[in-house]
Amino acid sequence: MSYASNDEVRGVLIQAGAERVLLPNATVAEMMSRVTVEPIEGAPDWLAGYIAWQGWEVPLLSYARFSGGDETVAGSNKVVVLKALGGNPEMPYFALLTQSFPQLIAVPRDGLLADASEESLPQGVHMRVLLGEQSALLPDLDAIESAVLAALAAVV
């Protein structure tokens, strides 16, 4: 997360299926809507396809499907392009679907509380946190990036 001050953390909140997902603000490259998606033959259902962005073919995934939920891939979806942190020159970015425009939020550092109500977390989820009265998922971006690379290697 990027830091606005010592006592707050900046993030971007998106809607992925039935879940709210809190992304580190520093990883978000761009937010777009009505993006053409090029399907990938033989890819898992959570890998929606490629989008063209700034000269790159960026893999687009449904985080909701990846983490065990459901989500419709439609032309009305919004897309959040994220900087990949793994250092792979073949995939410097990947993108997530969202149903609504992402919301920039500043969370008080002491307001980011882990929600330990679940025995085990879904794939690609680092932890569930409480934001006031509502919960949100903190994604495991390294695991997601690795899964996308493995899925792409399997369909080539």
N, C-alpha and C. Protein backbone atom coordinates (compact mmCIF):
# COMPACT_ATOMS: atom_id res chain seq x y z
N MET A 1 0.85 -1.17 0.00
CA MET A 1 0.00 0.00 0.00
C MET A 1 0.89 1.24 0.00
N SER A 2 0.46 2.27 -0.65
CA SER A 2 1.23 3.50 -0.59
C SER A 2 0.75 4.27 0.64
N TYR A 3 1.61 5.05 1.18
CA TYR A 3 1.30 5.69 2.44
C TYR A 3 1.05 7.17 2.27
N ALA A 4 -0.12 7.61 2.72
CA ALA A 4 -0.46 9.02 2.64
C ALA A 4 0.17 9.74 3.83
N SER A 5 0.17 9.09 4.95
CA SER A 5 0.84 9.60 6.14
C SER A 5 1.14 8.37 6.98
N ASN A 6 1.77 8.57 8.10
CA ASN A 6 2.14 7.42 8.92
C ASN A 6 0.94 6.71 9.50
N ASP A 7 -0.20 7.37 9.55
CA ASP A 7 -1.33 6.74 10.21
C ASP A 7 -2.46 6.33 9.26
N GLU A 8 -2.24 6.40 7.94
CA GLU A 8 -3.27 5.88 7.02
C GLU A 8 -2.64 5.20 5.82
N VAL A 9 -3.39 4.26 5.27
CA VAL A 9 -2.95 3.47 4.13
C VAL A 9 -3.92 3.76 2.99
N ARG A 10 -3.39 4.01 1.78
CA ARG A 10 -4.26 4.28 0.63
C ARG A 10 -4.45 3.00 -0.17
N GLY A 11 -5.70 2.79 -0.56
CA GLY A 11 -6.01 1.61 -1.35
C GLY A 11 -7.11 1.91 -2.35
N VAL A 12 -7.36 0.94 -3.21
CA VAL A 12 -8.43 1.04 -4.20
C VAL A 12 -9.38 -0.13 -3.95
N LEU A 13 -10.64 0.20 -3.75
CA LEU A 13 -11.65 -0.80 -3.45
C LEU A 13 -12.43 -1.11 -4.73
N ILE A 14 -12.47 -2.39 -5.11
CA ILE A 14 -13.23 -2.80 -6.29
C ILE A 14 -14.26 -3.85 -5.88
N GLN A 15 -15.25 -4.05 -6.74
CA GLN A 15 -16.26 -5.09 -6.54
C GLN A 15 -15.92 -6.23 -7.48
N ALA A 16 -15.69 -7.43 -6.93
CA ALA A 16 -15.39 -8.62 -7.74
C ALA A 16 -16.41 -9.68 -7.36
N GLY A 17 -17.41 -9.86 -8.21
CA GLY A 17 -18.49 -10.78 -7.86
C GLY A 17 -19.21 -10.25 -6.64
N ALA A 18 -19.38 -11.10 -5.63
CA ALA A 18 -20.08 -10.70 -4.41
C ALA A 18 -19.14 -10.05 -3.38
N GLU A 19 -17.85 -10.05 -3.66
CA GLU A 19 -16.87 -9.57 -2.69
C GLU A 19 -16.31 -8.19 -3.05
N ARG A 20 -15.94 -7.47 -2.00
CA ARG A 20 -15.18 -6.22 -2.19
C ARG A 20 -13.72 -6.59 -2.02
N VAL A 21 -12.86 -6.02 -2.87
CA VAL A 21 -11.44 -6.35 -2.87
C VAL A 21 -10.66 -5.05 -2.69
N LEU A 22 -9.72 -5.06 -1.73
CA LEU A 22 -8.90 -3.89 -1.46
C LEU A 22 -7.52 -4.10 -2.09
N LEU A 23 -7.20 -3.27 -3.07
CA LEU A 23 -5.92 -3.35 -3.78
C LEU A 23 -4.99 -2.25 -3.29
N PRO A 24 -3.69 -2.52 -3.23
CA PRO A 24 -2.75 -1.45 -2.89
C PRO A 24 -2.76 -0.39 -3.99
N ASN A 25 -2.92 0.85 -3.62
CA ASN A 25 -2.99 1.96 -4.58
C ASN A 25 -1.77 1.97 -5.50
N ALA A 26 -0.60 1.64 -4.97
CA ALA A 26 0.65 1.71 -5.74
C ALA A 26 0.70 0.69 -6.88
N THR A 27 -0.12 -0.36 -6.84
CA THR A 27 -0.08 -1.36 -7.90
C THR A 27 -1.01 -1.03 -9.06
N VAL A 28 -1.92 -0.08 -8.89
CA VAL A 28 -2.91 0.23 -9.92
C VAL A 28 -2.29 1.13 -10.99
N ALA A 29 -2.28 0.63 -12.24
CA ALA A 29 -1.73 1.40 -13.36
C ALA A 29 -2.81 2.24 -14.04
N GLU A 30 -4.01 1.65 -14.23
CA GLU A 30 -5.09 2.38 -14.90
C GLU A 30 -6.41 1.67 -14.66
N MET A 31 -7.50 2.44 -14.72
CA MET A 31 -8.85 1.91 -14.64
C MET A 31 -9.55 2.23 -15.95
N MET A 32 -10.23 1.23 -16.53
CA MET A 32 -10.87 1.45 -17.83
C MET A 32 -12.27 0.82 -17.84
N SER A 33 -13.07 1.22 -18.81
CA SER A 33 -14.38 0.59 -18.99
C SER A 33 -14.59 0.24 -20.46
N ARG A 34 -15.52 -0.66 -20.70
CA ARG A 34 -15.88 -1.12 -22.05
C ARG A 34 -14.65 -1.52 -22.87
N VAL A 35 -13.94 -2.48 -22.35
CA VAL A 35 -12.71 -2.94 -22.98
C VAL A 35 -12.99 -4.21 -23.78
N THR A 36 -12.45 -4.30 -24.98
CA THR A 36 -12.60 -5.50 -25.79
C THR A 36 -11.71 -6.60 -25.22
N VAL A 37 -12.31 -7.77 -24.99
CA VAL A 37 -11.58 -8.90 -24.43
C VAL A 37 -11.40 -9.96 -25.52
N GLU A 38 -10.17 -10.36 -25.75
CA GLU A 38 -9.83 -11.40 -26.71
C GLU A 38 -9.70 -12.72 -25.95
N PRO A 39 -10.64 -13.67 -26.15
CA PRO A 39 -10.60 -14.92 -25.38
C PRO A 39 -9.31 -15.71 -25.64
N ILE A 40 -8.94 -16.53 -24.66
CA ILE A 40 -7.76 -17.40 -24.77
C ILE A 40 -8.26 -18.84 -24.82
N GLU A 41 -8.04 -19.47 -25.96
CA GLU A 41 -8.47 -20.85 -26.18
C GLU A 41 -7.86 -21.78 -25.13
N GLY A 42 -8.71 -22.56 -24.46
CA GLY A 42 -8.23 -23.57 -23.51
C GLY A 42 -7.84 -23.03 -22.14
N ALA A 43 -8.08 -21.75 -21.89
CA ALA A 43 -7.71 -21.17 -20.59
C ALA A 43 -8.75 -21.53 -19.53
N PRO A 44 -8.36 -21.53 -18.25
CA PRO A 44 -9.34 -21.77 -17.19
C PRO A 44 -10.42 -20.68 -17.21
N ASP A 45 -11.59 -20.97 -16.63
CA ASP A 45 -12.72 -20.01 -16.72
C ASP A 45 -12.43 -18.69 -16.02
N TRP A 46 -11.50 -18.67 -15.08
CA TRP A 46 -11.19 -17.40 -14.40
C TRP A 46 -10.29 -16.50 -15.24
N LEU A 47 -9.66 -17.05 -16.27
CA LEU A 47 -8.82 -16.23 -17.15
C LEU A 47 -9.67 -15.82 -18.35
N ALA A 48 -10.20 -14.60 -18.28
CA ALA A 48 -11.20 -14.14 -19.25
C ALA A 48 -10.62 -13.93 -20.65
N GLY A 49 -9.34 -13.58 -20.73
CA GLY A 49 -8.72 -13.34 -22.03
C GLY A 49 -7.65 -12.27 -21.93
N TYR A 50 -7.33 -11.69 -23.09
CA TYR A 50 -6.36 -10.60 -23.15
C TYR A 50 -7.09 -9.30 -23.46
N ILE A 51 -6.54 -8.20 -22.95
CA ILE A 51 -6.97 -6.88 -23.37
C ILE A 51 -5.73 -6.17 -23.93
N ALA A 52 -5.95 -5.27 -24.87
CA ALA A 52 -4.84 -4.49 -25.42
C ALA A 52 -4.72 -3.23 -24.57
N TRP A 53 -3.51 -2.98 -24.05
CA TRP A 53 -3.28 -1.80 -23.23
C TRP A 53 -1.85 -1.32 -23.42
N GLN A 54 -1.70 -0.10 -23.92
CA GLN A 54 -0.41 0.55 -24.09
C GLN A 54 0.61 -0.33 -24.81
N GLY A 55 0.15 -1.03 -25.84
CA GLY A 55 1.05 -1.87 -26.63
C GLY A 55 1.27 -3.26 -26.06
N TRP A 56 0.66 -3.57 -24.94
CA TRP A 56 0.82 -4.89 -24.31
C TRP A 56 -0.45 -5.70 -24.48
N GLU A 57 -0.29 -7.03 -24.55
CA GLU A 57 -1.42 -7.95 -24.40
C GLU A 57 -1.47 -8.29 -22.93
N VAL A 58 -2.44 -7.75 -22.23
CA VAL A 58 -2.52 -7.89 -20.78
C VAL A 58 -3.55 -8.96 -20.44
N PRO A 59 -3.15 -10.01 -19.69
CA PRO A 59 -4.12 -11.02 -19.28
C PRO A 59 -5.15 -10.43 -18.32
N LEU A 60 -6.40 -10.75 -18.57
CA LEU A 60 -7.52 -10.26 -17.76
C LEU A 60 -8.12 -11.42 -17.00
N LEU A 61 -8.24 -11.27 -15.69
CA LEU A 61 -8.84 -12.36 -14.95
C LEU A 61 -10.01 -11.90 -14.11
N SER A 62 -10.89 -12.85 -13.87
CA SER A 62 -12.01 -12.64 -12.97
C SER A 62 -11.54 -13.09 -11.60
N TYR A 63 -11.28 -12.12 -10.72
CA TYR A 63 -10.83 -12.46 -9.37
C TYR A 63 -11.92 -13.22 -8.63
N ALA A 64 -13.17 -12.88 -8.90
CA ALA A 64 -14.28 -13.59 -8.24
C ALA A 64 -14.24 -15.08 -8.59
N ARG A 65 -14.09 -15.40 -9.87
CA ARG A 65 -14.01 -16.81 -10.28
C ARG A 65 -12.74 -17.47 -9.74
N PHE A 66 -11.63 -16.75 -9.78
CA PHE A 66 -10.35 -17.27 -9.31
C PHE A 66 -10.45 -17.69 -7.83
N SER A 67 -11.15 -16.89 -7.04
CA SER A 67 -11.25 -17.16 -5.60
C SER A 67 -12.48 -18.00 -5.25
N GLY A 68 -13.09 -18.63 -6.26
CA GLY A 68 -14.17 -19.58 -6.00
C GLY A 68 -15.58 -19.04 -6.10
N GLY A 69 -15.74 -17.79 -6.50
CA GLY A 69 -17.07 -17.21 -6.64
C GLY A 69 -17.52 -17.23 -8.09
N ASP A 70 -18.44 -16.33 -8.43
CA ASP A 70 -18.94 -16.26 -9.80
C ASP A 70 -18.97 -14.80 -10.22
N GLU A 71 -18.82 -14.59 -11.51
CA GLU A 71 -18.83 -13.24 -12.06
C GLU A 71 -19.11 -13.34 -13.55
N THR A 72 -19.93 -12.43 -14.05
CA THR A 72 -20.23 -12.40 -15.48
C THR A 72 -19.21 -11.53 -16.19
N VAL A 73 -18.66 -12.04 -17.27
CA VAL A 73 -17.74 -11.26 -18.09
C VAL A 73 -18.58 -10.64 -19.21
N ALA A 74 -18.72 -9.32 -19.16
CA ALA A 74 -19.58 -8.63 -20.13
C ALA A 74 -18.90 -7.35 -20.58
N GLY A 75 -19.40 -6.81 -21.68
CA GLY A 75 -18.84 -5.57 -22.22
C GLY A 75 -18.99 -4.38 -21.29
N SER A 76 -19.91 -4.48 -20.33
CA SER A 76 -20.13 -3.37 -19.41
C SER A 76 -19.19 -3.41 -18.21
N ASN A 77 -18.40 -4.48 -18.08
CA ASN A 77 -17.47 -4.58 -16.96
C ASN A 77 -16.41 -3.49 -17.04
N LYS A 78 -15.92 -3.11 -15.89
CA LYS A 78 -14.77 -2.22 -15.79
C LYS A 78 -13.54 -3.10 -15.59
N VAL A 79 -12.38 -2.54 -15.87
CA VAL A 79 -11.12 -3.28 -15.77
C VAL A 79 -10.12 -2.43 -15.00
N VAL A 80 -9.40 -3.06 -14.08
CA VAL A 80 -8.32 -2.41 -13.35
C VAL A 80 -7.02 -3.06 -13.79
N VAL A 81 -6.13 -2.28 -14.43
CA VAL A 81 -4.82 -2.79 -14.85
C VAL A 81 -3.86 -2.63 -13.67
N LEU A 82 -3.19 -3.73 -13.31
CA LEU A 82 -2.27 -3.73 -12.18
C LEU A 82 -0.85 -3.97 -12.65
N LYS A 83 0.10 -3.36 -11.96
CA LYS A 83 1.51 -3.64 -12.21
C LYS A 83 1.82 -5.00 -11.61
N ALA A 84 2.37 -5.90 -12.42
CA ALA A 84 2.79 -7.21 -11.90
C ALA A 84 4.08 -7.00 -11.12
N LEU A 85 4.18 -7.64 -9.98
CA LEU A 85 5.32 -7.40 -9.09
C LEU A 85 6.40 -8.47 -9.19
N GLY A 86 6.15 -9.51 -10.01
CA GLY A 86 7.07 -10.64 -10.08
C GLY A 86 8.31 -10.41 -10.92
N GLY A 87 8.36 -9.33 -11.69
CA GLY A 87 9.54 -9.03 -12.48
C GLY A 87 9.65 -9.83 -13.78
N ASN A 88 8.57 -10.49 -14.21
CA ASN A 88 8.61 -11.24 -15.45
C ASN A 88 8.46 -10.27 -16.62
N PRO A 89 9.48 -10.15 -17.50
CA PRO A 89 9.40 -9.18 -18.60
C PRO A 89 8.31 -9.52 -19.62
N GLU A 90 7.85 -10.77 -19.65
CA GLU A 90 6.78 -11.17 -20.56
C GLU A 90 5.41 -10.69 -20.07
N MET A 91 5.28 -10.45 -18.76
CA MET A 91 3.99 -10.05 -18.20
C MET A 91 4.20 -8.97 -17.13
N PRO A 92 4.44 -7.73 -17.57
CA PRO A 92 4.63 -6.66 -16.59
C PRO A 92 3.32 -6.15 -15.98
N TYR A 93 2.18 -6.56 -16.58
CA TYR A 93 0.87 -6.12 -16.11
C TYR A 93 -0.11 -7.29 -16.18
N PHE A 94 -1.14 -7.23 -15.34
CA PHE A 94 -2.32 -8.07 -15.52
C PHE A 94 -3.51 -7.24 -15.07
N ALA A 95 -4.70 -7.68 -15.41
CA ALA A 95 -5.88 -6.87 -15.14
C ALA A 95 -6.95 -7.70 -14.44
N LEU A 96 -7.77 -7.02 -13.65
CA LEU A 96 -8.89 -7.64 -12.94
C LEU A 96 -10.19 -7.02 -13.41
N LEU A 97 -11.22 -7.85 -13.51
CA LEU A 97 -12.57 -7.36 -13.80
C LEU A 97 -13.17 -6.74 -12.54
N THR A 98 -14.02 -5.76 -12.72
CA THR A 98 -14.81 -5.23 -11.62
C THR A 98 -16.15 -4.75 -12.19
N GLN A 99 -17.20 -4.82 -11.37
CA GLN A 99 -18.52 -4.42 -11.86
C GLN A 99 -18.77 -2.92 -11.70
N SER A 100 -17.98 -2.26 -10.89
CA SER A 100 -18.22 -0.84 -10.64
C SER A 100 -16.91 -0.07 -10.72
N PHE A 101 -17.02 1.24 -10.78
CA PHE A 101 -15.80 2.02 -10.80
C PHE A 101 -15.08 1.87 -9.47
N PRO A 102 -13.78 1.65 -9.52
CA PRO A 102 -13.01 1.51 -8.29
C PRO A 102 -13.10 2.78 -7.44
N GLN A 103 -13.01 2.59 -6.14
CA GLN A 103 -13.14 3.68 -5.20
C GLN A 103 -11.81 3.83 -4.46
N LEU A 104 -11.23 5.03 -4.52
CA LEU A 104 -9.99 5.31 -3.80
C LEU A 104 -10.34 5.56 -2.34
N ILE A 105 -9.67 4.84 -1.44
CA ILE A 105 -9.97 5.05 -0.02
C ILE A 105 -8.67 5.19 0.77
N ALA A 106 -8.76 5.89 1.87
CA ALA A 106 -7.66 5.98 2.83
C ALA A 106 -8.16 5.30 4.09
N VAL A 107 -7.43 4.30 4.52
CA VAL A 107 -7.83 3.52 5.69
C VAL A 107 -6.90 3.87 6.84
N PRO A 108 -7.46 4.26 7.99
CA PRO A 108 -6.58 4.48 9.14
C PRO A 108 -5.81 3.19 9.41
N ARG A 109 -4.51 3.32 9.66
CA ARG A 109 -3.68 2.13 9.86
C ARG A 109 -4.26 1.22 10.95
N ASP A 110 -4.80 1.82 12.00
CA ASP A 110 -5.39 0.99 13.06
C ASP A 110 -6.80 0.54 12.70
N GLY A 111 -7.32 0.99 11.54
CA GLY A 111 -8.65 0.58 11.11
C GLY A 111 -8.63 -0.65 10.20
N LEU A 112 -7.43 -1.14 9.85
CA LEU A 112 -7.30 -2.30 8.98
C LEU A 112 -7.16 -3.53 9.87
N LEU A 113 -8.29 -4.12 10.21
CA LEU A 113 -8.31 -5.24 11.15
C LEU A 113 -8.57 -6.54 10.42
N ALA A 114 -7.82 -7.57 10.77
CA ALA A 114 -8.03 -8.89 10.16
C ALA A 114 -9.34 -9.46 10.67
N ASP A 115 -10.10 -10.06 9.75
CA ASP A 115 -11.34 -10.75 10.09
C ASP A 115 -11.00 -12.24 10.14
N ALA A 116 -10.95 -12.81 11.31
CA ALA A 116 -10.54 -14.20 11.48
C ALA A 116 -11.73 -15.14 11.55
N SER A 117 -12.85 -14.76 10.96
CA SER A 117 -14.06 -15.58 11.09
C SER A 117 -14.06 -16.82 10.19
N GLU A 118 -13.14 -16.88 9.22
CA GLU A 118 -13.11 -18.02 8.31
C GLU A 118 -11.99 -18.98 8.69
N GLU A 119 -12.27 -20.28 8.59
CA GLU A 119 -11.26 -21.29 8.87
C GLU A 119 -10.15 -21.23 7.82
N SER A 120 -10.55 -21.23 6.55
CA SER A 120 -9.57 -21.18 5.47
C SER A 120 -10.03 -20.14 4.46
N LEU A 121 -9.07 -19.52 3.82
CA LEU A 121 -9.37 -18.47 2.85
C LEU A 121 -9.37 -19.04 1.44
N PRO A 122 -10.16 -18.46 0.54
CA PRO A 122 -10.18 -18.92 -0.86
C PRO A 122 -8.83 -18.70 -1.54
N GLN A 123 -8.63 -19.38 -2.65
CA GLN A 123 -7.42 -19.21 -3.46
C GLN A 123 -7.25 -17.74 -3.82
N GLY A 124 -6.00 -17.27 -3.73
CA GLY A 124 -5.70 -15.90 -4.14
C GLY A 124 -6.05 -14.83 -3.12
N VAL A 125 -6.46 -15.26 -1.92
CA VAL A 125 -6.81 -14.30 -0.87
C VAL A 125 -5.74 -14.34 0.22
N HIS A 126 -5.12 -13.20 0.47
CA HIS A 126 -4.11 -13.10 1.52
C HIS A 126 -4.79 -13.04 2.89
N MET A 127 -5.80 -12.18 3.01
CA MET A 127 -6.58 -12.12 4.24
C MET A 127 -7.86 -11.35 3.99
N ARG A 128 -8.82 -11.55 4.88
CA ARG A 128 -10.05 -10.76 4.87
C ARG A 128 -9.89 -9.70 5.95
N VAL A 129 -10.21 -8.47 5.61
CA VAL A 129 -10.10 -7.38 6.57
C VAL A 129 -11.46 -6.72 6.78
N LEU A 130 -11.58 -6.07 7.90
CA LEU A 130 -12.80 -5.32 8.20
C LEU A 130 -12.52 -3.85 7.94
N LEU A 131 -13.39 -3.24 7.15
CA LEU A 131 -13.32 -1.80 6.89
C LEU A 131 -14.58 -1.22 7.48
N GLY A 132 -14.50 -0.77 8.70
CA GLY A 132 -15.70 -0.30 9.38
C GLY A 132 -16.63 -1.49 9.60
N GLU A 133 -17.84 -1.37 9.08
CA GLU A 133 -18.84 -2.43 9.26
C GLU A 133 -18.77 -3.52 8.18
N GLN A 134 -18.03 -3.26 7.10
CA GLN A 134 -17.99 -4.20 5.98
C GLN A 134 -16.63 -4.86 5.87
N SER A 135 -16.62 -6.04 5.23
CA SER A 135 -15.34 -6.72 5.04
C SER A 135 -14.88 -6.57 3.59
N ALA A 136 -13.60 -6.79 3.39
CA ALA A 136 -13.02 -6.77 2.06
C ALA A 136 -11.90 -7.81 2.03
N LEU A 137 -11.58 -8.27 0.84
CA LEU A 137 -10.49 -9.22 0.67
C LEU A 137 -9.22 -8.49 0.29
N LEU A 138 -8.11 -8.91 0.90
CA LEU A 138 -6.80 -8.44 0.46
C LEU A 138 -6.26 -9.56 -0.42
N PRO A 139 -6.06 -9.30 -1.71
CA PRO A 139 -5.62 -10.38 -2.61
C PRO A 139 -4.15 -10.72 -2.41
N ASP A 140 -3.81 -11.97 -2.70
CA ASP A 140 -2.43 -12.43 -2.71
C ASP A 140 -1.94 -12.24 -4.15
N LEU A 141 -1.41 -11.06 -4.44
CA LEU A 141 -1.06 -10.70 -5.82
C LEU A 141 0.04 -11.59 -6.39
N ASP A 142 0.98 -12.04 -5.54
CA ASP A 142 2.04 -12.94 -6.02
C ASP A 142 1.44 -14.27 -6.48
N ALA A 143 0.52 -14.82 -5.69
CA ALA A 143 -0.11 -16.10 -6.06
C ALA A 143 -0.94 -15.95 -7.33
N ILE A 144 -1.64 -14.84 -7.47
CA ILE A 144 -2.45 -14.59 -8.67
C ILE A 144 -1.55 -14.50 -9.89
N GLU A 145 -0.47 -13.73 -9.78
CA GLU A 145 0.46 -13.57 -10.89
C GLU A 145 1.05 -14.92 -11.30
N SER A 146 1.45 -15.74 -10.33
CA SER A 146 1.99 -17.07 -10.62
C SER A 146 0.98 -17.96 -11.31
N ALA A 147 -0.28 -17.91 -10.86
CA ALA A 147 -1.34 -18.72 -11.46
C ALA A 147 -1.62 -18.28 -12.90
N VAL A 148 -1.60 -16.98 -13.16
CA VAL A 148 -1.83 -16.47 -14.52
C VAL A 148 -0.70 -16.94 -15.43
N LEU A 149 0.54 -16.82 -14.98
CA LEU A 149 1.68 -17.27 -15.78
C LEU A 149 1.60 -18.77 -16.06
N ALA A 150 1.24 -19.57 -15.05
CA ALA A 150 1.12 -21.02 -15.23
C ALA A 150 0.00 -21.35 -16.21
N ALA A 151 -1.14 -20.66 -16.11
CA ALA A 151 -2.27 -20.91 -17.00
C ALA A 151 -1.91 -20.55 -18.44
N LEU A 152 -1.22 -19.43 -18.62
CA LEU A 152 -0.82 -19.02 -19.97
C LEU A 152 0.18 -19.99 -20.56
N ALA A 153 1.11 -20.49 -19.75
CA ALA A 153 2.10 -21.45 -20.23
C ALA A 153 1.43 -22.76 -20.64
N ALA A 154 0.35 -23.13 -19.97
CA ALA A 154 -0.35 -24.38 -20.25
C ALA A 154 -1.15 -24.33 -21.55
N VAL A 155 -1.54 -23.15 -22.00
CA VAL A 155 -2.36 -23.05 -23.22
C VAL A 155 -1.55 -22.69 -24.46
N VAL A 156 -0.28 -22.43 -24.30
CA VAL A 156 0.56 -22.05 -25.46
C VAL A 156 0.85 -23.26 -26.32
